[in-house]
C-alpha atoms as a PDB file:
ATOM      1  CA  MET A   1       0.000   0.000   0.000  1.00  0.00           C
ATOM      2  CA  ILE A   2       1.182   3.471  -0.834  1.00  0.00           C
ATOM      3  CA  ARG A   3      -0.182   5.971   1.708  1.00  0.00           C
ATOM      4  CA  SER A   4      -0.077   8.851  -0.791  1.00  0.00           C
ATOM      5  CA  ASN A   5      -2.352   6.949  -3.189  1.00  0.00           C
ATOM      6  CA  HIS A   6      -5.900   8.201  -2.531  1.00  0.00           C
ATOM      7  CA  TYR A   7      -7.435   5.097  -4.128  1.00  0.00           C
ATOM      8  CA  GLU A   8      -5.622   2.804  -1.692  1.00  0.00           C
ATOM      9  CA  THR A   9      -6.370   5.000   1.334  1.00  0.00           C
ATOM     10  CA  ALA A  10     -10.054   5.140   0.299  1.00  0.00           C
ATOM     11  CA  PHE A  11     -10.056   1.346   0.011  1.00  0.00           C
ATOM     12  CA  GLU A  12      -8.479   1.031   3.459  1.00  0.00           C
ATOM     13  CA  ALA A  13     -11.137   3.363   4.899  1.00  0.00           C
ATOM     14  CA  TYR A  14     -13.823   1.268   3.185  1.00  0.00           C
ATOM     15  CA  LEU A  15     -12.452  -1.903   4.825  1.00  0.00           C
ATOM     16  CA  ARG A  16     -12.340  -0.184   8.232  1.00  0.00           C
ATOM     17  CA  SER A  17     -15.934   1.015   7.832  1.00  0.00           C
ATOM     18  CA  ARG A  18     -17.026  -2.603   7.294  1.00  0.00           C
ATOM     19  CA  GLY A  19     -15.033  -3.936  10.254  1.00  0.00           C
ATOM     20  CA  VAL A  20     -12.922  -6.168   8.015  1.00  0.00           C
ATOM     21  CA  GLY A  21      -9.638  -7.599   9.317  1.00  0.00           C
ATOM     22  CA  PHE A  22      -6.715  -6.685   7.069  1.00  0.00           C
ATOM     23  CA  ILE A  23      -3.013  -5.993   6.831  1.00  0.00           C
ATOM     24  CA  ALA A  24      -1.917  -3.176   4.533  1.00  0.00           C
ATOM     25  CA  VAL A  25       1.336  -4.204   2.823  1.00  0.00           C
ATOM     26  CA  ASP A  26       4.150  -1.648   2.575  1.00  0.00           C
ATOM     27  CA  GLU A  27       5.081  -1.394  -1.098  1.00  0.00           C
ATOM     28  CA  ALA A  28       8.311   0.516  -0.590  1.00  0.00           C
ATOM     29  CA  ARG A  29      10.272  -2.408  -2.028  1.00  0.00           C
ATOM     30  CA  ARG A  30       9.525  -5.375  -4.221  1.00  0.00           C
ATOM     31  CA  SER A  31       9.103  -8.603  -2.333  1.00  0.00           C
ATOM     32  CA  LEU A  32      10.792 -11.932  -2.848  1.00  0.00           C
ATOM     33  CA  LEU A  33       8.756 -15.036  -3.413  1.00  0.00           C
ATOM     34  CA  GLY A  34      11.105 -17.963  -3.748  1.00  0.00           C
ATOM     35  CA  PRO A  35      14.199 -17.110  -5.769  1.00  0.00           C
ATOM     36  CA  THR A  36      12.617 -14.254  -7.754  1.00  0.00           C
ATOM     37  CA  ASP A  37      11.166 -10.888  -6.930  1.00  0.00           C
ATOM     38  CA  VAL A  38       7.455 -10.276  -7.303  1.00  0.00           C
ATOM     39  CA  LYS A  39       5.259  -7.200  -7.187  1.00  0.00           C
ATOM     40  CA  SER A  40       3.958  -6.603  -3.690  1.00  0.00           C
ATOM     41  CA  LEU A  41       0.263  -6.949  -3.081  1.00  0.00           C
ATOM     42  CA  ASP A  42      -1.661  -4.169  -1.335  1.00  0.00           C
ATOM     43  CA  PHE A  43      -3.784  -5.952   1.293  1.00  0.00           C
ATOM     44  CA  ILE A  44      -4.142  -9.302   3.028  1.00  0.00           C
ATOM     45  CA  ILE A  45      -7.768  -9.612   4.148  1.00  0.00           C
ATOM     46  CA  VAL A  46      -9.677 -11.978   6.388  1.00  0.00           C
ATOM     47  CA  GLY A  47     -13.347 -11.229   5.865  1.00  0.00           C
ATOM     48  CA  PRO A  48     -16.181 -11.472   8.357  1.00  0.00           C
ATOM     49  CA  GLU A  49     -17.331 -14.839   6.954  1.00  0.00           C
ATOM     50  CA  SER A  50     -13.821 -16.311   6.915  1.00  0.00           C
ATOM     51  CA  SER A  51     -13.083 -15.246   3.358  1.00  0.00           C
ATOM     52  CA  LYS A  52      -9.339 -14.991   2.802  1.00  0.00           C
ATOM     53  CA  LEU A  53      -8.082 -12.605   0.154  1.00  0.00           C
ATOM     54  CA  VAL A  54      -4.881 -11.135  -1.203  1.00  0.00           C
ATOM     55  CA  VAL A  55      -5.734  -7.886  -2.964  1.00  0.00           C
ATOM     56  CA  ASP A  56      -4.105  -5.570  -5.477  1.00  0.00           C
ATOM     57  CA  VAL A  57      -5.857  -2.197  -5.764  1.00  0.00           C
ATOM     58  CA  LYS A  58      -6.267  -0.588  -9.178  1.00  0.00           C
ATOM     59  CA  GLY A  59      -7.393   3.033  -8.908  1.00  0.00           C
ATOM     60  CA  ARG A  60      -9.246   4.532 -11.853  1.00  0.00           C
ATOM     61  CA  LYS A  61     -11.339   7.631 -12.499  1.00  0.00           C
ATOM     62  CA  PHE A  62     -14.756   7.512 -14.088  1.00  0.00           C
ATOM     63  CA  PRO A  63     -14.981   9.014 -16.550  1.00  0.00           C
ATOM     64  CA  GLY A  64     -11.365   8.954 -17.674  1.00  0.00           C
ATOM     65  CA  GLY A  65      -9.806  11.354 -20.135  1.00  0.00           C
ATOM     66  CA  SER A  66     -10.027  15.121 -19.817  1.00  0.00           C
ATOM     67  CA  ALA A  67     -12.869  17.373 -18.671  1.00  0.00           C
ATOM     68  CA  GLU A  68     -13.297  18.526 -22.295  1.00  0.00           C
ATOM     69  CA  ASN A  69     -13.239  14.977 -23.679  1.00  0.00           C
ATOM     70  CA  PRO A  70     -14.354  12.499 -20.998  1.00  0.00           C
ATOM     71  CA  ARG A  71     -13.987   8.791 -21.782  1.00  0.00           C
ATOM     72  CA  LYS A  72     -17.078   7.091 -20.386  1.00  0.00           C
ATOM     73  CA  VAL A  73     -15.371   3.727 -19.984  1.00  0.00           C
ATOM     74  CA  TRP A  74     -14.859   1.577 -16.892  1.00  0.00           C
ATOM     75  CA  GLN A  75     -11.099   1.179 -17.290  1.00  0.00           C
ATOM     76  CA  ASN A  76      -9.951  -2.273 -16.135  1.00  0.00           C
ATOM     77  CA  TRP A  77      -6.367  -2.495 -17.316  1.00  0.00           C
ATOM     78  CA  SER A  78      -3.503  -3.880 -15.284  1.00  0.00           C
ATOM     79  CA  THR A  79       0.061  -4.863 -15.949  1.00  0.00           C
ATOM     80  CA  GLU A  80       0.674  -8.490 -16.777  1.00  0.00           C
ATOM     81  CA  ASP A  81       3.321  -8.409 -14.016  1.00  0.00           C
ATOM     82  CA  ASP A  82       0.648  -7.391 -11.465  1.00  0.00           C
ATOM     83  CA  VAL A  83      -1.699 -10.183 -12.573  1.00  0.00           C
ATOM     84  CA  ASP A  84       1.055 -12.805 -12.440  1.00  0.00           C
ATOM     85  CA  GLY A  85       2.352 -11.530  -9.095  1.00  0.00           C
ATOM     86  CA  LEU A  86      -1.084 -11.554  -7.482  1.00  0.00           C
ATOM     87  CA  ASN A  87      -1.719 -15.048  -8.787  1.00  0.00           C
ATOM     88  CA  ARG A  88       1.609 -16.194  -7.314  1.00  0.00           C
ATOM     89  CA  TRP A  89       0.813 -14.596  -3.929  1.00  0.00           C
ATOM     90  CA  ALA A  90      -2.574 -16.314  -3.779  1.00  0.00           C
ATOM     91  CA  GLY A  91      -0.908 -19.646  -4.518  1.00  0.00           C
ATOM     92  CA  GLN A  92       1.752 -19.041  -1.876  1.00  0.00           C
ATOM     93  CA  PHE A  93      -0.821 -18.270   0.820  1.00  0.00           C
ATOM     94  CA  GLY A  94      -2.657 -21.506   0.075  1.00  0.00           C
ATOM     95  CA  ALA A  95      -5.884 -22.892  -1.352  1.00  0.00           C
ATOM     96  CA  GLU A  96      -8.118 -20.914   1.042  1.00  0.00           C
ATOM     97  CA  PHE A  97      -6.836 -17.576  -0.303  1.00  0.00           C
ATOM     98  CA  ARG A  98      -8.142 -15.934  -3.458  1.00  0.00           C
ATOM     99  CA  GLY A  99      -6.297 -13.284  -5.436  1.00  0.00           C
ATOM    100  CA  ILE A 100      -8.533 -10.271  -6.075  1.00  0.00           C
ATOM    101  CA  LEU A 101      -8.030  -7.274  -8.344  1.00  0.00           C
ATOM    102  CA  ALA A 102      -9.934  -4.458  -6.645  1.00  0.00           C
ATOM    103  CA  PHE A 103     -10.940  -1.708  -9.063  1.00  0.00           C
ATOM    104  CA  VAL A 104     -11.533   1.447  -7.035  1.00  0.00           C
ATOM    105  CA  TYR A 105     -13.303   3.991  -9.232  1.00  0.00           C
ATOM    106  CA  GLN A 106     -13.378   7.642  -8.233  1.00  0.00           C
ATOM    107  CA  ILE A 107     -16.621   8.997  -9.692  1.00  0.00           C
ATOM    108  CA  VAL A 108     -15.946  12.464 -11.078  1.00  0.00           C
ATOM    109  CA  PRO A 109     -18.776  15.057 -11.202  1.00  0.00           C
ATOM    110  CA  PRO A 110     -21.079  15.667 -12.959  1.00  0.00           C
ATOM    111  CA  PHE A 111     -21.336  11.876 -13.042  1.00  0.00           C
ATOM    112  CA  CYS A 112     -22.630  10.088  -9.982  1.00  0.00           C
ATOM    113  CA  VAL A 113     -23.988   6.770  -8.812  1.00  0.00           C
ATOM    114  CA  ALA A 114     -27.113   6.323  -6.700  1.00  0.00           C
ATOM    115  CA  ASP A 115     -26.596   6.434  -2.947  1.00  0.00           C
ATOM    116  CA  ASP A 116     -27.883   2.859  -2.580  1.00  0.00           C
ATOM    117  CA  THR A 117     -25.446   1.394  -5.147  1.00  0.00           C
ATOM    118  CA  PRO A 118     -23.611  -1.565  -3.570  1.00  0.00           C
ATOM    119  CA  ASP A 119     -20.139  -0.573  -2.379  1.00  0.00           C
ATOM    120  CA  ARG A 120     -20.528   3.119  -3.114  1.00  0.00           C
ATOM    121  CA  PHE A 121     -18.227   4.778  -0.578  1.00  0.00           C
ATOM    122  CA  VAL A 122     -17.608   8.433   0.283  1.00  0.00           C
ATOM    123  CA  PHE A 123     -14.079   9.282   1.394  1.00  0.00           C
ATOM    124  CA  LYS A 124     -12.823  12.840   1.960  1.00  0.00           C
ATOM    125  CA  ASN A 125     -15.763  14.276   0.000  1.00  0.00           C
ATOM    126  CA  ASP A 126     -15.096  12.086  -3.024  1.00  0.00           C
ATOM    127  CA  VAL A 127     -17.314   9.221  -4.162  1.00  0.00           C
ATOM    128  CA  TYR A 128     -15.729   5.861  -4.910  1.00  0.00           C
ATOM    129  CA  LEU A 129     -17.153   2.653  -6.292  1.00  0.00           C
ATOM    130  CA  MET A 130     -15.494  -0.577  -5.107  1.00  0.00           C
ATOM    131  CA  ARG A 131     -15.525  -3.340  -7.718  1.00  0.00           C
ATOM    132  CA  ALA A 132     -13.476  -6.524  -8.024  1.00  0.00           C
ATOM    133  CA  ILE A 133     -12.595  -9.573 -10.104  1.00  0.00           C
ATOM    134  CA  GLU A 134     -10.905 -12.778  -9.006  1.00  0.00           C
ATOM    135  CA  VAL A 135      -7.436 -12.817 -10.570  1.00  0.00           C
ATOM    136  CA  THR A 136      -7.857 -16.313 -12.036  1.00  0.00           C
ATOM    137  CA  ALA A 137     -11.003 -15.209 -13.901  1.00  0.00           C
ATOM    138  CA  TYR A 138      -9.299 -12.000 -15.036  1.00  0.00           C
ATOM    139  CA  ARG A 139      -6.269 -13.934 -16.222  1.00  0.00           C
ATOM    140  CA  SER A 140      -8.339 -16.399 -18.260  1.00  0.00           C
ATOM    141  CA  ALA A 141     -10.159 -13.592 -20.126  1.00  0.00           C
ATOM    142  CA  MET A 142      -7.452 -10.910 -20.385  1.00  0.00           C
ATOM    143  CA  THR A 143      -6.110  -9.672 -23.685  1.00  0.00           C
ATOM    144  CA  ALA A 144      -3.051  -7.569 -24.495  1.00  0.00           C
ATOM    145  CA  ARG A 145      -3.574  -3.821 -24.277  1.00  0.00           C
ATOM    146  CA  SER A 146      -0.037  -2.507 -24.845  1.00  0.00           C
ATOM    147  CA  ALA A 147       2.984  -4.666 -25.558  1.00  0.00           C
ATOM    148  CA  LYS A 148       5.252  -1.666 -24.962  1.00  0.00           C
ATOM    149  CA  TRP A 149       3.929  -1.127 -21.418  1.00  0.00           C
ATOM    150  CA  GLY A 150       3.150  -4.767 -20.661  1.00  0.00           C
ATOM    151  CA  THR A 151      -0.500  -4.004 -19.960  1.00  0.00           C
ATOM    152  CA  VAL A 152      -3.546  -6.215 -20.304  1.00  0.00           C
ATOM    153  CA  HIS A 153      -7.287  -5.643 -19.939  1.00  0.00           C
ATOM    154  CA  LEU A 154     -10.639  -7.342 -20.275  1.00  0.00           C
ATOM    155  CA  PRO A 155     -12.885  -6.754 -23.254  1.00  0.00           C
ATOM    156  CA  THR A 156     -16.010  -4.864 -22.171  1.00  0.00           C
ATOM    157  CA  GLU A 157     -18.324  -7.888 -22.397  1.00  0.00           C
ATOM    158  CA  ASP A 158     -16.002 -10.033 -20.246  1.00  0.00           C
ATOM    159  CA  PHE A 159     -15.528  -7.247 -17.724  1.00  0.00           C
ATOM    160  CA  ARG A 160     -19.275  -6.748 -17.328  1.00  0.00           C
ATOM    161  CA  ARG A 161     -19.736 -10.511 -16.911  1.00  0.00           C
ATOM    162  CA  LEU A 162     -16.982 -10.943 -14.298  1.00  0.00           C
ATOM    163  CA  VAL A 163     -16.955  -7.741 -12.234  1.00  0.00           C
ATOM    164  CA  ARG A 164     -18.796  -7.687  -8.890  1.00  0.00           C
ATOM    165  CA  PRO A 165     -19.113  -5.404  -5.883  1.00  0.00           C
ATOM    166  CA  PHE A 166     -16.064  -5.936  -3.688  1.00  0.00           C
ATOM    167  CA  SER A 167     -18.279  -6.894  -0.728  1.00  0.00           C
ATOM    168  CA  ASP A 168     -19.308 -10.060  -2.608  1.00  0.00           C
ATOM    169  CA  PHE A 169     -15.772 -11.337  -2.012  1.00  0.00           C
ATOM    170  CA  LEU A 170     -16.052 -10.761   1.739  1.00  0.00           C
ATOM    171  CA  GLN A 171     -18.545 -13.609   1.904  1.00  0.00           C
ATOM    172  CA  ARG A 172     -17.768 -17.300   1.769  1.00  0.00           C
ATOM    173  CA  PRO A 173     -16.705 -18.273  -1.743  1.00  0.00           C
ATOM    174  CA  VAL A 174     -19.834 -19.246  -3.650  1.00  0.00           C
ATOM    175  CA  MET A 175     -21.047 -18.585  -7.134  1.00  0.00           C
ATOM    176  CA  ILE A 176     -22.623 -15.148  -6.955  1.00  0.00           C
ATOM    177  CA  PRO A 177     -24.587 -13.662  -9.852  1.00  0.00           C
ATOM    178  CA  THR A 178     -22.839 -10.787 -11.547  1.00  0.00           C
ATOM    179  CA  THR A 179     -23.947  -7.334 -10.479  1.00  0.00           C
ATOM    180  CA  PRO A 180     -23.309  -5.050 -13.449  1.00  0.00           C
ATOM    181  CA  LEU A 181     -21.699  -1.677 -13.069  1.00  0.00           C
ATOM    182  CA  PRO A 182     -24.353   0.927 -12.418  1.00  0.00           C
ATOM    183  CA  GLN A 183     -25.495   3.422 -14.949  1.00  0.00           C
ATOM    184  CA  THR A 184     -24.288   6.881 -14.029  1.00  0.00           C
ATOM    185  CA  VAL A 185     -26.151  10.133 -14.029  1.00  0.00           C
ATOM    186  CA  PRO A 186     -26.329  11.632 -16.549  1.00  0.00           C
ATOM    187  CA  VAL A 187     -27.466   8.285 -17.933  1.00  0.00           C
ATOM    188  CA  LEU A 188     -25.080   6.884 -20.475  1.00  0.00           C
ATOM    189  CA  ASP A 189     -26.341   4.965 -23.461  1.00  0.00           C
ATOM    190  CA  ASP A 190     -23.199   2.880 -23.645  1.00  0.00           C
ATOM    191  CA  LEU A 191     -20.230   2.389 -21.360  1.00  0.00           C
ATOM    192  CA  LEU A 192     -17.828   1.460 -24.171  1.00  0.00           C
END
């Protein structure tokens, strides 16, 4: 965890507000896992229903782009290194742990989400939406985004199918129906 990263501090505040047990991992240096280094994860979580998670937080704004040219897309990119590292951490912790990519979206005005949207969270006067995907599901559906930067992402259809409110992962692992990302106000015809 990087304390100066508002997405990660908002996520930590969200966990505290829910009474979730966690350890925030100091990302000052890369970690070693066996003989090689691996990207540090952000949080180790033990949920209220005995869920066990290792989490990497991905902070994104919605909409992205500039104020003059907003991109009304739920960005879900990551580096391939982050996906592989999180998968390795989950395996190292054991079969009870799941690797989770937590997408923490800061909702930028004039866009907003309804107050009763699952995992909508207000932190320091900003609104965030906590969404997540299990790293194994992400990995199986990811496609290359930029070879130069080593980034990957999910096609929109796969992202909508796999993404869920983060709180779903705080429950015992069961198959949970997908909760799609909410429409924002002003209502968008398409989130592509």
